[in-house]
Amino acid sequence: MSWWSWGKATRRPAVILYTREGCHLCHEVQASLEAEKAGMDFDLTILDIDRDEEAKRLYDLEVPVVSIDGRVRFRGRVNLVLLRRALRAAASEA
C-alpha cells in the first residue's frame, strides 16, 4: 500500500510542468514528477513555454515551474515532501 492510498483522495489534481528544450533542470523535475506519478493519482501536463506565448511571458527565466490546480508551487527544484503534501491537499479539496 502506498502512502497515497492512506488518504481519502477524492479527485485527481492537475499538475503542469512548464519547461523548455535544453533545460537540464527541467528534465530532472520531469523525471521526478513521472516517478511520483507511479504511486499517486494526478494528471501531468508538460508544457514547453517556447510554444505558448503567455507561458513564455510568465515563466521565461524561471523554468522549470510546477503548478498544481493552477497555483504555482515550485520554481526550479522540487521538494518531494512538499510536492506530496500539496498533492494530498489538492486531492482532498472538494
N, C-alpha and C. Protein backbone atom coordinates (compact mmCIF):
# COMPACT_ATOMS: atom_id res chain seq x y z
N MET A 1 0.85 -1.18 0.00
CA MET A 1 0.00 0.00 0.00
C MET A 1 0.89 1.24 0.00
N SER A 2 0.67 2.14 -0.92
CA SER A 2 1.48 3.35 -0.98
C SER A 2 0.93 4.39 -0.02
N TRP A 3 1.75 5.37 0.30
CA TRP A 3 1.30 6.44 1.21
C TRP A 3 0.11 7.16 0.62
N TRP A 4 0.01 7.21 -0.71
CA TRP A 4 -1.08 7.93 -1.37
C TRP A 4 -2.42 7.32 -1.03
N SER A 5 -2.49 6.01 -0.89
CA SER A 5 -3.76 5.35 -0.64
C SER A 5 -4.22 5.49 0.81
N TRP A 6 -3.38 6.01 1.67
CA TRP A 6 -3.78 6.21 3.06
C TRP A 6 -4.82 7.31 3.20
N GLY A 7 -4.69 8.33 2.37
CA GLY A 7 -5.62 9.45 2.45
C GLY A 7 -6.93 9.13 1.77
N LYS A 8 -7.84 10.06 1.80
CA LYS A 8 -9.13 9.89 1.16
C LYS A 8 -9.20 10.79 -0.06
N ALA A 9 -8.32 10.53 -1.00
CA ALA A 9 -8.28 11.34 -2.22
C ALA A 9 -9.61 11.24 -2.94
N THR A 10 -10.18 12.39 -3.26
CA THR A 10 -11.48 12.40 -3.90
C THR A 10 -11.41 12.85 -5.35
N ARG A 11 -10.29 13.41 -5.77
CA ARG A 11 -10.17 13.85 -7.15
C ARG A 11 -8.71 13.87 -7.56
N ARG A 12 -8.49 13.98 -8.85
CA ARG A 12 -7.12 13.97 -9.39
C ARG A 12 -6.64 15.41 -9.57
N PRO A 13 -5.62 15.81 -8.84
CA PRO A 13 -5.05 17.15 -9.06
C PRO A 13 -4.46 17.27 -10.47
N ALA A 14 -4.49 18.48 -11.00
CA ALA A 14 -3.91 18.77 -12.31
C ALA A 14 -2.56 19.44 -12.10
N VAL A 15 -1.51 18.76 -12.53
CA VAL A 15 -0.15 19.27 -12.39
C VAL A 15 0.36 19.67 -13.77
N ILE A 16 0.90 20.87 -13.85
CA ILE A 16 1.51 21.34 -15.09
C ILE A 16 2.98 21.63 -14.82
N LEU A 17 3.84 21.07 -15.66
CA LEU A 17 5.26 21.38 -15.63
C LEU A 17 5.55 22.29 -16.81
N TYR A 18 5.94 23.51 -16.52
CA TYR A 18 6.36 24.46 -17.55
C TYR A 18 7.85 24.24 -17.76
N THR A 19 8.24 23.97 -18.99
CA THR A 19 9.61 23.56 -19.29
C THR A 19 10.03 24.15 -20.63
N ARG A 20 11.24 23.82 -21.04
CA ARG A 20 11.71 24.17 -22.39
C ARG A 20 12.84 23.22 -22.77
N GLU A 21 13.05 23.11 -24.07
CA GLU A 21 14.11 22.25 -24.58
C GLU A 21 15.47 22.75 -24.09
N GLY A 22 16.35 21.81 -23.81
CA GLY A 22 17.70 22.16 -23.42
C GLY A 22 17.87 22.54 -21.96
N CYS A 23 16.83 22.42 -21.17
CA CYS A 23 16.88 22.79 -19.75
C CYS A 23 17.12 21.51 -18.94
N HIS A 24 18.35 21.32 -18.46
CA HIS A 24 18.66 20.09 -17.74
C HIS A 24 17.87 19.96 -16.45
N LEU A 25 17.66 21.07 -15.75
CA LEU A 25 16.88 21.03 -14.52
C LEU A 25 15.42 20.66 -14.81
N CYS A 26 14.91 21.13 -15.94
CA CYS A 26 13.55 20.77 -16.35
C CYS A 26 13.42 19.26 -16.54
N HIS A 27 14.43 18.65 -17.13
CA HIS A 27 14.41 17.20 -17.35
C HIS A 27 14.45 16.46 -16.01
N GLU A 28 15.21 16.96 -15.05
CA GLU A 28 15.27 16.35 -13.73
C GLU A 28 13.92 16.42 -13.03
N VAL A 29 13.29 17.58 -13.10
CA VAL A 29 11.98 17.76 -12.46
C VAL A 29 10.94 16.87 -13.15
N GLN A 30 10.98 16.79 -14.47
CA GLN A 30 10.04 15.93 -15.18
C GLN A 30 10.21 14.48 -14.75
N ALA A 31 11.43 14.02 -14.64
CA ALA A 31 11.68 12.64 -14.21
C ALA A 31 11.15 12.41 -12.79
N SER A 32 11.34 13.39 -11.91
CA SER A 32 10.82 13.27 -10.54
C SER A 32 9.30 13.20 -10.52
N LEU A 33 8.66 14.06 -11.30
CA LEU A 33 7.19 14.06 -11.36
C LEU A 33 6.66 12.73 -11.92
N GLU A 34 7.30 12.24 -12.96
CA GLU A 34 6.86 10.98 -13.55
C GLU A 34 7.06 9.82 -12.58
N ALA A 35 8.13 9.85 -11.81
CA ALA A 35 8.36 8.81 -10.80
C ALA A 35 7.30 8.89 -9.70
N GLU A 36 6.97 10.08 -9.27
CA GLU A 36 5.94 10.26 -8.23
C GLU A 36 4.57 9.84 -8.75
N LYS A 37 4.33 10.06 -10.03
CA LYS A 37 3.04 9.72 -10.62
C LYS A 37 2.78 8.22 -10.56
N ALA A 38 3.82 7.42 -10.53
CA ALA A 38 3.66 5.97 -10.45
C ALA A 38 2.94 5.56 -9.16
N GLY A 39 3.09 6.34 -8.09
CA GLY A 39 2.46 6.00 -6.82
C GLY A 39 1.33 6.92 -6.42
N MET A 40 1.01 7.90 -7.26
CA MET A 40 -0.02 8.87 -6.94
C MET A 40 -1.00 9.00 -8.09
N ASP A 41 -2.13 9.58 -7.79
CA ASP A 41 -3.17 9.74 -8.80
C ASP A 41 -3.31 11.23 -9.14
N PHE A 42 -2.56 11.68 -10.15
CA PHE A 42 -2.68 13.06 -10.61
C PHE A 42 -2.45 13.13 -12.10
N ASP A 43 -3.02 14.15 -12.71
CA ASP A 43 -2.83 14.38 -14.14
C ASP A 43 -1.59 15.25 -14.33
N LEU A 44 -0.72 14.86 -15.25
CA LEU A 44 0.51 15.60 -15.51
C LEU A 44 0.52 16.09 -16.95
N THR A 45 0.68 17.40 -17.11
CA THR A 45 0.81 18.01 -18.43
C THR A 45 2.18 18.67 -18.50
N ILE A 46 2.90 18.41 -19.59
CA ILE A 46 4.20 19.04 -19.82
C ILE A 46 3.98 20.12 -20.87
N LEU A 47 4.33 21.36 -20.53
CA LEU A 47 4.10 22.47 -21.45
C LEU A 47 5.42 23.18 -21.74
N ASP A 48 5.83 23.14 -23.01
CA ASP A 48 7.03 23.84 -23.46
C ASP A 48 6.67 25.32 -23.60
N ILE A 49 7.27 26.17 -22.79
CA ILE A 49 6.89 27.58 -22.79
C ILE A 49 7.24 28.28 -24.09
N ASP A 50 8.17 27.74 -24.84
CA ASP A 50 8.54 28.36 -26.11
C ASP A 50 7.48 28.13 -27.19
N ARG A 51 6.48 27.34 -26.88
CA ARG A 51 5.36 27.09 -27.80
C ARG A 51 4.07 27.77 -27.34
N ASP A 52 4.16 28.52 -26.25
CA ASP A 52 2.98 29.17 -25.69
C ASP A 52 3.37 30.58 -25.25
N GLU A 53 2.89 31.58 -25.95
CA GLU A 53 3.29 32.98 -25.70
C GLU A 53 3.03 33.43 -24.27
N GLU A 54 1.85 33.09 -23.74
CA GLU A 54 1.51 33.52 -22.37
C GLU A 54 2.42 32.84 -21.34
N ALA A 55 2.65 31.55 -21.50
CA ALA A 55 3.53 30.84 -20.59
C ALA A 55 4.95 31.39 -20.67
N LYS A 56 5.39 31.69 -21.87
CA LYS A 56 6.74 32.26 -22.03
C LYS A 56 6.84 33.62 -21.35
N ARG A 57 5.81 34.43 -21.51
CA ARG A 57 5.79 35.75 -20.85
C ARG A 57 5.87 35.60 -19.33
N LEU A 58 5.16 34.63 -18.80
CA LEU A 58 5.11 34.44 -17.35
C LEU A 58 6.36 33.79 -16.77
N TYR A 59 6.92 32.79 -17.47
CA TYR A 59 7.94 31.95 -16.86
C TYR A 59 9.26 31.88 -17.62
N ASP A 60 9.51 32.80 -18.52
CA ASP A 60 10.67 32.74 -19.41
C ASP A 60 11.99 32.47 -18.68
N LEU A 61 12.24 33.14 -17.59
CA LEU A 61 13.51 32.99 -16.88
C LEU A 61 13.40 32.15 -15.62
N GLU A 62 12.27 31.46 -15.44
CA GLU A 62 12.02 30.75 -14.18
C GLU A 62 11.86 29.25 -14.31
N VAL A 63 11.90 28.69 -15.52
CA VAL A 63 11.65 27.26 -15.68
C VAL A 63 12.73 26.43 -15.00
N PRO A 64 12.37 25.27 -14.51
CA PRO A 64 11.06 24.66 -14.53
C PRO A 64 10.13 25.27 -13.47
N VAL A 65 8.85 25.30 -13.82
CA VAL A 65 7.82 25.77 -12.90
C VAL A 65 6.77 24.67 -12.82
N VAL A 66 6.35 24.37 -11.60
CA VAL A 66 5.32 23.35 -11.39
C VAL A 66 4.11 24.01 -10.75
N SER A 67 2.96 23.84 -11.39
CA SER A 67 1.72 24.32 -10.79
C SER A 67 0.83 23.13 -10.48
N ILE A 68 0.05 23.28 -9.42
CA ILE A 68 -0.93 22.26 -9.03
C ILE A 68 -2.27 22.96 -8.97
N ASP A 69 -3.18 22.51 -9.80
CA ASP A 69 -4.52 23.10 -9.89
C ASP A 69 -4.47 24.61 -10.09
N GLY A 70 -3.55 25.04 -10.98
CA GLY A 70 -3.47 26.44 -11.35
C GLY A 70 -2.67 27.33 -10.42
N ARG A 71 -2.13 26.77 -9.35
CA ARG A 71 -1.35 27.54 -8.39
C ARG A 71 0.13 27.13 -8.48
N VAL A 72 1.00 28.08 -8.75
CA VAL A 72 2.43 27.78 -8.84
C VAL A 72 2.93 27.36 -7.46
N ARG A 73 3.54 26.17 -7.43
CA ARG A 73 4.05 25.62 -6.16
C ARG A 73 5.56 25.56 -6.12
N PHE A 74 6.20 25.38 -7.28
CA PHE A 74 7.65 25.25 -7.31
C PHE A 74 8.22 25.98 -8.51
N ARG A 75 9.36 26.58 -8.30
CA ARG A 75 10.16 27.19 -9.36
C ARG A 75 11.57 26.64 -9.17
N GLY A 76 12.11 26.08 -10.23
CA GLY A 76 13.43 25.45 -10.08
C GLY A 76 13.27 24.04 -9.55
N ARG A 77 13.94 23.72 -8.49
CA ARG A 77 13.89 22.37 -7.93
C ARG A 77 12.56 22.10 -7.22
N VAL A 78 12.23 20.81 -7.14
CA VAL A 78 11.01 20.38 -6.48
C VAL A 78 11.38 19.61 -5.22
N ASN A 79 10.80 20.03 -4.10
CA ASN A 79 10.96 19.31 -2.84
C ASN A 79 9.88 18.23 -2.83
N LEU A 80 10.29 16.96 -2.83
CA LEU A 80 9.33 15.87 -2.95
C LEU A 80 8.39 15.77 -1.76
N VAL A 81 8.85 16.09 -0.57
CA VAL A 81 7.98 16.07 0.61
C VAL A 81 6.89 17.12 0.46
N LEU A 82 7.27 18.33 0.04
CA LEU A 82 6.28 19.38 -0.15
C LEU A 82 5.36 19.09 -1.33
N LEU A 83 5.89 18.45 -2.38
CA LEU A 83 5.07 18.06 -3.51
C LEU A 83 3.98 17.09 -3.06
N ARG A 84 4.36 16.07 -2.33
CA ARG A 84 3.38 15.09 -1.85
C ARG A 84 2.32 15.75 -0.96
N ARG A 85 2.76 16.63 -0.11
CA ARG A 85 1.82 17.34 0.78
C ARG A 85 0.84 18.18 -0.04
N ALA A 86 1.35 18.89 -1.04
CA ALA A 86 0.49 19.73 -1.88
C ALA A 86 -0.49 18.87 -2.68
N LEU A 87 -0.04 17.73 -3.18
CA LEU A 87 -0.92 16.84 -3.93
C LEU A 87 -2.01 16.25 -3.06
N ARG A 88 -1.65 15.85 -1.84
CA ARG A 88 -2.67 15.32 -0.90
C ARG A 88 -3.71 16.38 -0.60
N ALA A 89 -3.25 17.60 -0.35
CA ALA A 89 -4.18 18.69 -0.06
C ALA A 89 -5.08 18.97 -1.25
N ALA A 90 -4.52 19.01 -2.44
CA ALA A 90 -5.31 19.28 -3.65
C ALA A 90 -6.32 18.17 -3.90
N ALA A 91 -5.93 16.93 -3.65
CA ALA A 91 -6.82 15.79 -3.90
C ALA A 91 -7.99 15.77 -2.93
N SER A 92 -7.79 16.30 -1.76
CA SER A 92 -8.86 16.25 -0.75
C SER A 92 -9.80 17.46 -0.84
N GLU A 93 -9.45 18.49 -1.61
CA GLU A 93 -10.32 19.65 -1.76
C GLU A 93 -11.54 19.26 -2.57
N ALA A 94 -12.66 19.75 -2.14
CA ALA A 94 -13.91 19.43 -2.86
C ALA A 94 -14.17 20.41 -3.97
